[in-house]
Amino acid sequence: MMNMPVVTSQYWNIVYGRDKGEAKLDTEGMQTMRTLASNMSWLLQNLNGKPTPEREASWQGMNFIR
């Protein structure tokens, strides 16, 4: 949305746990967070100092109701 890069992962970005240390036992959640961190790191490294792509002059909206 609005030309913003979005970092993705493999599923919902959440880890479950109620008591101290329980979140570490959520293997799927922890893997999802590691994937998110890796993807975010990759995006930041590849955006750093590189020019942004050229954009068209202006947005041309379309009203489908006639």
PDB file of N, CA and C in Angstrom:
ATOM      1  N   MET A   1       0.837  -1.165   0.000  1.00  0.00           N
ATOM      2  CA  MET A   1       0.000   0.000   0.000  1.00  0.00           C
ATOM      3  C   MET A   1       0.888   1.236   0.000  1.00  0.00           C
ATOM      4  N   MET A   2       0.595   2.165  -0.832  1.00  0.00           N
ATOM      5  CA  MET A   2       1.307   3.444  -0.880  1.00  0.00           C
ATOM      6  C   MET A   2       2.798   3.273  -1.137  1.00  0.00           C
ATOM      7  N   ASN A   3       3.169   2.304  -1.989  1.00  0.00           N
ATOM      8  CA  ASN A   3       4.557   2.062  -2.384  1.00  0.00           C
ATOM      9  C   ASN A   3       5.466   1.733  -1.210  1.00  0.00           C
ATOM     10  N   MET A   4       4.922   1.072  -0.204  1.00  0.00           N
ATOM     11  CA  MET A   4       5.699   0.736   0.984  1.00  0.00           C
ATOM     12  C   MET A   4       6.131  -0.726   0.921  1.00  0.00           C
ATOM     13  N   PRO A   5       7.414  -1.012   1.110  1.00  0.00           N
ATOM     14  CA  PRO A   5       7.831  -2.417   1.139  1.00  0.00           C
ATOM     15  C   PRO A   5       7.278  -3.111   2.377  1.00  0.00           C
ATOM     16  N   VAL A   6       6.837  -4.329   2.215  1.00  0.00           N
ATOM     17  CA  VAL A   6       6.268  -5.102   3.313  1.00  0.00           C
ATOM     18  C   VAL A   6       7.111  -6.363   3.495  1.00  0.00           C
ATOM     19  N   VAL A   7       7.579  -6.566   4.708  1.00  0.00           N
ATOM     20  CA  VAL A   7       8.375  -7.755   5.016  1.00  0.00           C
ATOM     21  C   VAL A   7       7.419  -8.887   5.368  1.00  0.00           C
ATOM     22  N   THR A   8       7.567  -9.998   4.675  1.00  0.00           N
ATOM     23  CA  THR A   8       6.690 -11.134   4.915  1.00  0.00           C
ATOM     24  C   THR A   8       7.412 -12.232   5.680  1.00  0.00           C
ATOM     25  N   SER A   9       6.633 -13.195   6.135  1.00  0.00           N
ATOM     26  CA  SER A   9       7.180 -14.372   6.794  1.00  0.00           C
ATOM     27  C   SER A   9       6.438 -15.582   6.249  1.00  0.00           C
ATOM     28  N   GLN A  10       6.332 -16.636   7.048  1.00  0.00           N
ATOM     29  CA  GLN A  10       5.697 -17.845   6.552  1.00  0.00           C
ATOM     30  C   GLN A  10       4.286 -18.026   7.097  1.00  0.00           C
ATOM     31  N   TYR A  11       3.897 -17.277   8.125  1.00  0.00           N
ATOM     32  CA  TYR A  11       2.568 -17.400   8.714  1.00  0.00           C
ATOM     33  C   TYR A  11       2.335 -16.162   9.554  1.00  0.00           C
ATOM     34  N   TRP A  12       1.297 -16.148  10.375  1.00  0.00           N
ATOM     35  CA  TRP A  12       1.048 -14.991  11.238  1.00  0.00           C
ATOM     36  C   TRP A  12       2.251 -14.749  12.137  1.00  0.00           C
ATOM     37  N   ASN A  13       2.644 -13.492  12.274  1.00  0.00           N
ATOM     38  CA  ASN A  13       3.834 -13.139  13.053  1.00  0.00           C
ATOM     39  C   ASN A  13       3.488 -13.052  14.536  1.00  0.00           C
ATOM     40  N   ILE A  14       3.396 -14.208  15.173  1.00  0.00           N
ATOM     41  CA  ILE A  14       3.033 -14.260  16.591  1.00  0.00           C
ATOM     42  C   ILE A  14       3.649 -15.502  17.235  1.00  0.00           C
ATOM     43  N   VAL A  15       4.001 -15.361  18.509  1.00  0.00           N
ATOM     44  CA  VAL A  15       4.514 -16.478  19.303  1.00  0.00           C
ATOM     45  C   VAL A  15       3.632 -16.569  20.541  1.00  0.00           C
ATOM     46  N   TYR A  16       3.254 -17.789  20.918  1.00  0.00           N
ATOM     47  CA  TYR A  16       2.369 -17.974  22.072  1.00  0.00           C
ATOM     48  C   TYR A  16       3.119 -18.475  23.288  1.00  0.00           C
ATOM     49  N   GLY A  17       2.727 -17.954  24.449  1.00  0.00           N
ATOM     50  CA  GLY A  17       3.258 -18.404  25.723  1.00  0.00           C
ATOM     51  C   GLY A  17       2.666 -17.555  26.831  1.00  0.00           C
ATOM     52  N   ARG A  18       2.311 -18.183  27.946  1.00  0.00           N
ATOM     53  CA  ARG A  18       1.712 -17.438  29.054  1.00  0.00           C
ATOM     54  C   ARG A  18       2.733 -17.173  30.144  1.00  0.00           C
ATOM     55  N   ASP A  19       3.430 -18.206  30.563  1.00  0.00           N
ATOM     56  CA  ASP A  19       4.403 -18.062  31.645  1.00  0.00           C
ATOM     57  C   ASP A  19       5.792 -17.806  31.072  1.00  0.00           C
ATOM     58  N   LYS A  20       6.677 -17.339  31.923  1.00  0.00           N
ATOM     59  CA  LYS A  20       8.044 -17.022  31.515  1.00  0.00           C
ATOM     60  C   LYS A  20       8.715 -18.245  30.877  1.00  0.00           C
ATOM     61  N   GLY A  21       9.256 -18.069  29.684  1.00  0.00           N
ATOM     62  CA  GLY A  21       9.971 -19.130  28.988  1.00  0.00           C
ATOM     63  C   GLY A  21       9.101 -19.997  28.087  1.00  0.00           C
ATOM     64  N   GLU A  22       7.772 -19.876  28.201  1.00  0.00           N
ATOM     65  CA  GLU A  22       6.891 -20.711  27.386  1.00  0.00           C
ATOM     66  C   GLU A  22       6.948 -20.347  25.905  1.00  0.00           C
ATOM     67  N   ALA A  23       7.180 -19.098  25.585  1.00  0.00           N
ATOM     68  CA  ALA A  23       7.217 -18.681  24.177  1.00  0.00           C
ATOM     69  C   ALA A  23       8.335 -19.410  23.429  1.00  0.00           C
ATOM     70  N   LYS A  24       9.430 -19.689  24.116  1.00  0.00           N
ATOM     71  CA  LYS A  24      10.536 -20.412  23.468  1.00  0.00           C
ATOM     72  C   LYS A  24      10.141 -21.825  23.061  1.00  0.00           C
ATOM     73  N   LEU A  25       9.112 -22.365  23.687  1.00  0.00           N
ATOM     74  CA  LEU A  25       8.650 -23.722  23.386  1.00  0.00           C
ATOM     75  C   LEU A  25       7.727 -23.763  22.172  1.00  0.00           C
ATOM     76  N   ASP A  26       7.261 -22.597  21.727  1.00  0.00           N
ATOM     77  CA  ASP A  26       6.401 -22.528  20.532  1.00  0.00           C
ATOM     78  C   ASP A  26       7.309 -22.602  19.305  1.00  0.00           C
ATOM     79  N   THR A  27       7.591 -23.832  18.867  1.00  0.00           N
ATOM     80  CA  THR A  27       8.570 -24.019  17.791  1.00  0.00           C
ATOM     81  C   THR A  27       8.128 -23.380  16.481  1.00  0.00           C
ATOM     82  N   GLU A  28       6.835 -23.482  16.164  1.00  0.00           N
ATOM     83  CA  GLU A  28       6.352 -22.869  14.923  1.00  0.00           C
ATOM     84  C   GLU A  28       6.448 -21.352  14.996  1.00  0.00           C
ATOM     85  N   GLY A  29       6.036 -20.777  16.120  1.00  0.00           N
ATOM     86  CA  GLY A  29       6.102 -19.327  16.291  1.00  0.00           C
ATOM     87  C   GLY A  29       7.526 -18.804  16.240  1.00  0.00           C
ATOM     88  N   MET A  30       8.437 -19.521  16.870  1.00  0.00           N
ATOM     89  CA  MET A  30       9.840 -19.093  16.868  1.00  0.00           C
ATOM     90  C   MET A  30      10.436 -19.188  15.467  1.00  0.00           C
ATOM     91  N   GLN A  31      10.085 -20.244  14.723  1.00  0.00           N
ATOM     92  CA  GLN A  31      10.564 -20.356  13.342  1.00  0.00           C
ATOM     93  C   GLN A  31      10.006 -19.218  12.488  1.00  0.00           C
ATOM     94  N   THR A  32       8.745 -18.877  12.703  1.00  0.00           N
ATOM     95  CA  THR A  32       8.130 -17.766  11.968  1.00  0.00           C
ATOM     96  C   THR A  32       8.866 -16.462  12.261  1.00  0.00           C
ATOM     97  N   MET A  33       9.220 -16.224  13.521  1.00  0.00           N
ATOM     98  CA  MET A  33       9.940 -14.999  13.891  1.00  0.00           C
ATOM     99  C   MET A  33      11.338 -14.971  13.290  1.00  0.00           C
ATOM    100  N   ARG A  34      12.023 -16.129  13.271  1.00  0.00           N
ATOM    101  CA  ARG A  34      13.358 -16.179  12.649  1.00  0.00           C
ATOM    102  C   ARG A  34      13.267 -15.886  11.154  1.00  0.00           C
ATOM    103  N   THR A  35      12.243 -16.427  10.496  1.00  0.00           N
ATOM    104  CA  THR A  35      12.048 -16.158   9.067  1.00  0.00           C
ATOM    105  C   THR A  35      11.769 -14.679   8.836  1.00  0.00           C
ATOM    106  N   LEU A  36      10.919 -14.089   9.678  1.00  0.00           N
ATOM    107  CA  LEU A  36      10.619 -12.658   9.571  1.00  0.00           C
ATOM    108  C   LEU A  36      11.887 -11.828   9.759  1.00  0.00           C
ATOM    109  N   ALA A  37      12.690 -12.160  10.768  1.00  0.00           N
ATOM    110  CA  ALA A  37      13.931 -11.420  11.027  1.00  0.00           C
ATOM    111  C   ALA A  37      14.899 -11.540   9.856  1.00  0.00           C
ATOM    112  N   SER A  38      15.007 -12.731   9.302  1.00  0.00           N
ATOM    113  CA  SER A  38      15.895 -12.940   8.160  1.00  0.00           C
ATOM    114  C   SER A  38      15.437 -12.133   6.945  1.00  0.00           C
ATOM    115  N   ASN A  39      14.138 -12.158   6.672  1.00  0.00           N
ATOM    116  CA  ASN A  39      13.600 -11.406   5.539  1.00  0.00           C
ATOM    117  C   ASN A  39      13.748  -9.895   5.738  1.00  0.00           C
ATOM    118  N   MET A  40      13.555  -9.438   6.976  1.00  0.00           N
ATOM    119  CA  MET A  40      13.704  -8.006   7.269  1.00  0.00           C
ATOM    120  C   MET A  40      15.160  -7.574   7.095  1.00  0.00           C
ATOM    121  N   SER A  41      16.082  -8.410   7.566  1.00  0.00           N
ATOM    122  CA  SER A  41      17.503  -8.120   7.411  1.00  0.00           C
ATOM    123  C   SER A  41      17.880  -8.041   5.931  1.00  0.00           C
ATOM    124  N   TRP A  42      17.394  -9.002   5.150  1.00  0.00           N
ATOM    125  CA  TRP A  42      17.683  -9.008   3.712  1.00  0.00           C
ATOM    126  C   TRP A  42      17.157  -7.745   3.041  1.00  0.00           C
ATOM    127  N   LEU A  43      15.935  -7.358   3.375  1.00  0.00           N
ATOM    128  CA  LEU A  43      15.342  -6.161   2.768  1.00  0.00           C
ATOM    129  C   LEU A  43      16.143  -4.911   3.124  1.00  0.00           C
ATOM    130  N   LEU A  44      16.503  -4.765   4.388  1.00  0.00           N
ATOM    131  CA  LEU A  44      17.262  -3.587   4.808  1.00  0.00           C
ATOM    132  C   LEU A  44      18.632  -3.525   4.137  1.00  0.00           C
ATOM    133  N   GLN A  45      19.290  -4.662   3.993  1.00  0.00           N
ATOM    134  CA  GLN A  45      20.592  -4.683   3.329  1.00  0.00           C
ATOM    135  C   GLN A  45      20.477  -4.321   1.852  1.00  0.00           C
ATOM    136  N   ASN A  46      19.393  -4.726   1.230  1.00  0.00           N
ATOM    137  CA  ASN A  46      19.232  -4.475  -0.196  1.00  0.00           C
ATOM    138  C   ASN A  46      18.651  -3.101  -0.506  1.00  0.00           C
ATOM    139  N   LEU A  47      18.040  -2.457   0.470  1.00  0.00           N
ATOM    140  CA  LEU A  47      17.531  -1.099   0.266  1.00  0.00           C
ATOM    141  C   LEU A  47      18.575  -0.044   0.597  1.00  0.00           C
ATOM    142  N   ASN A  48      19.546  -0.388   1.408  1.00  0.00           N
ATOM    143  CA  ASN A  48      20.523   0.556   1.924  1.00  0.00           C
ATOM    144  C   ASN A  48      21.322   1.219   0.804  1.00  0.00           C
ATOM    145  N   GLY A  49      21.078   2.503   0.604  1.00  0.00           N
ATOM    146  CA  GLY A  49      21.861   3.291  -0.328  1.00  0.00           C
ATOM    147  C   GLY A  49      21.525   3.107  -1.792  1.00  0.00           C
ATOM    148  N   LYS A  50      20.552   2.281  -2.103  1.00  0.00           N
ATOM    149  CA  LYS A  50      20.211   2.070  -3.509  1.00  0.00           C
ATOM    150  C   LYS A  50      19.109   3.046  -3.911  1.00  0.00           C
ATOM    151  N   PRO A  51      19.170   3.524  -5.143  1.00  0.00           N
ATOM    152  CA  PRO A  51      18.132   4.461  -5.581  1.00  0.00           C
ATOM    153  C   PRO A  51      16.781   3.765  -5.689  1.00  0.00           C
ATOM    154  N   THR A  52      15.742   4.530  -5.452  1.00  0.00           N
ATOM    155  CA  THR A  52      14.394   3.981  -5.588  1.00  0.00           C
ATOM    156  C   THR A  52      14.008   3.925  -7.056  1.00  0.00           C
ATOM    157  N   PRO A  53      13.122   3.021  -7.434  1.00  0.00           N
ATOM    158  CA  PRO A  53      12.723   2.922  -8.832  1.00  0.00           C
ATOM    159  C   PRO A  53      11.973   4.172  -9.300  1.00  0.00           C
ATOM    160  N   GLU A  54      12.062   4.434 -10.588  1.00  0.00           N
ATOM    161  CA  GLU A  54      11.323   5.572 -11.140  1.00  0.00           C
ATOM    162  C   GLU A  54       9.838   5.306 -11.050  1.00  0.00           C
ATOM    163  N   ARG A  55       9.095   6.363 -10.799  1.00  0.00           N
ATOM    164  CA  ARG A  55       7.646   6.253 -10.715  1.00  0.00           C
ATOM    165  C   ARG A  55       7.010   7.022 -11.864  1.00  0.00           C
ATOM    166  N   GLU A  56       5.791   6.638 -12.207  1.00  0.00           N
ATOM    167  CA  GLU A  56       5.063   7.402 -13.211  1.00  0.00           C
ATOM    168  C   GLU A  56       4.767   8.782 -12.648  1.00  0.00           C
ATOM    169  N   ALA A  57       4.478   9.736 -13.545  1.00  0.00           N
ATOM    170  CA  ALA A  57       4.314  11.140 -13.148  1.00  0.00           C
ATOM    171  C   ALA A  57       3.274  11.320 -12.045  1.00  0.00           C
ATOM    172  N   SER A  58       2.089  10.781 -12.212  1.00  0.00           N
ATOM    173  CA  SER A  58       1.066  10.941 -11.188  1.00  0.00           C
ATOM    174  C   SER A  58       0.096   9.773 -11.242  1.00  0.00           C
ATOM    175  N   TRP A  59      -0.627   9.597 -10.159  1.00  0.00           N
ATOM    176  CA  TRP A  59      -1.594   8.525 -10.071  1.00  0.00           C
ATOM    177  C   TRP A  59      -2.797   8.845 -10.938  1.00  0.00           C
ATOM    178  N   GLN A  60      -3.246   7.868 -11.684  1.00  0.00           N
ATOM    179  CA  GLN A  60      -4.413   8.054 -12.543  1.00  0.00           C
ATOM    180  C   GLN A  60      -5.522   7.147 -12.053  1.00  0.00           C
ATOM    181  N   GLY A  61      -6.403   7.703 -11.229  1.00  0.00           N
ATOM    182  CA  GLY A  61      -7.499   6.932 -10.667  1.00  0.00           C
ATOM    183  C   GLY A  61      -8.561   6.627 -11.720  1.00  0.00           C
ATOM    184  N   MET A  62      -9.349   5.586 -11.481  1.00  0.00           N
ATOM    185  CA  MET A  62     -10.400   5.196 -12.408  1.00  0.00           C
ATOM    186  C   MET A  62     -11.688   5.030 -11.643  1.00  0.00           C
ATOM    187  N   ASN A  63     -12.725   5.721 -12.061  1.00  0.00           N
ATOM    188  CA  ASN A  63     -14.035   5.580 -11.453  1.00  0.00           C
ATOM    189  C   ASN A  63     -14.846   4.610 -12.315  1.00  0.00           C
ATOM    190  N   PHE A  64     -15.135   3.444 -11.780  1.00  0.00           N
ATOM    191  CA  PHE A  64     -15.834   2.423 -12.541  1.00  0.00           C
ATOM    192  C   PHE A  64     -17.346   2.650 -12.569  1.00  0.00           C
ATOM    193  N   ILE A  65     -17.831   3.569 -11.735  1.00  0.00           N
ATOM    194  CA  ILE A  65     -19.265   3.873 -11.743  1.00  0.00           C
ATOM    195  C   ILE A  65     -19.494   4.983 -12.752  1.00  0.00           C
ATOM    196  N   ARG A  66     -20.309   4.688 -13.768  1.00  0.00           N
ATOM    197  CA  ARG A  66     -20.548   5.681 -14.812  1.00  0.00           C
ATOM    198  C   ARG A  66     -21.987   6.057 -14.884  1.00  0.00           C
TER     199      ARG A  66
END
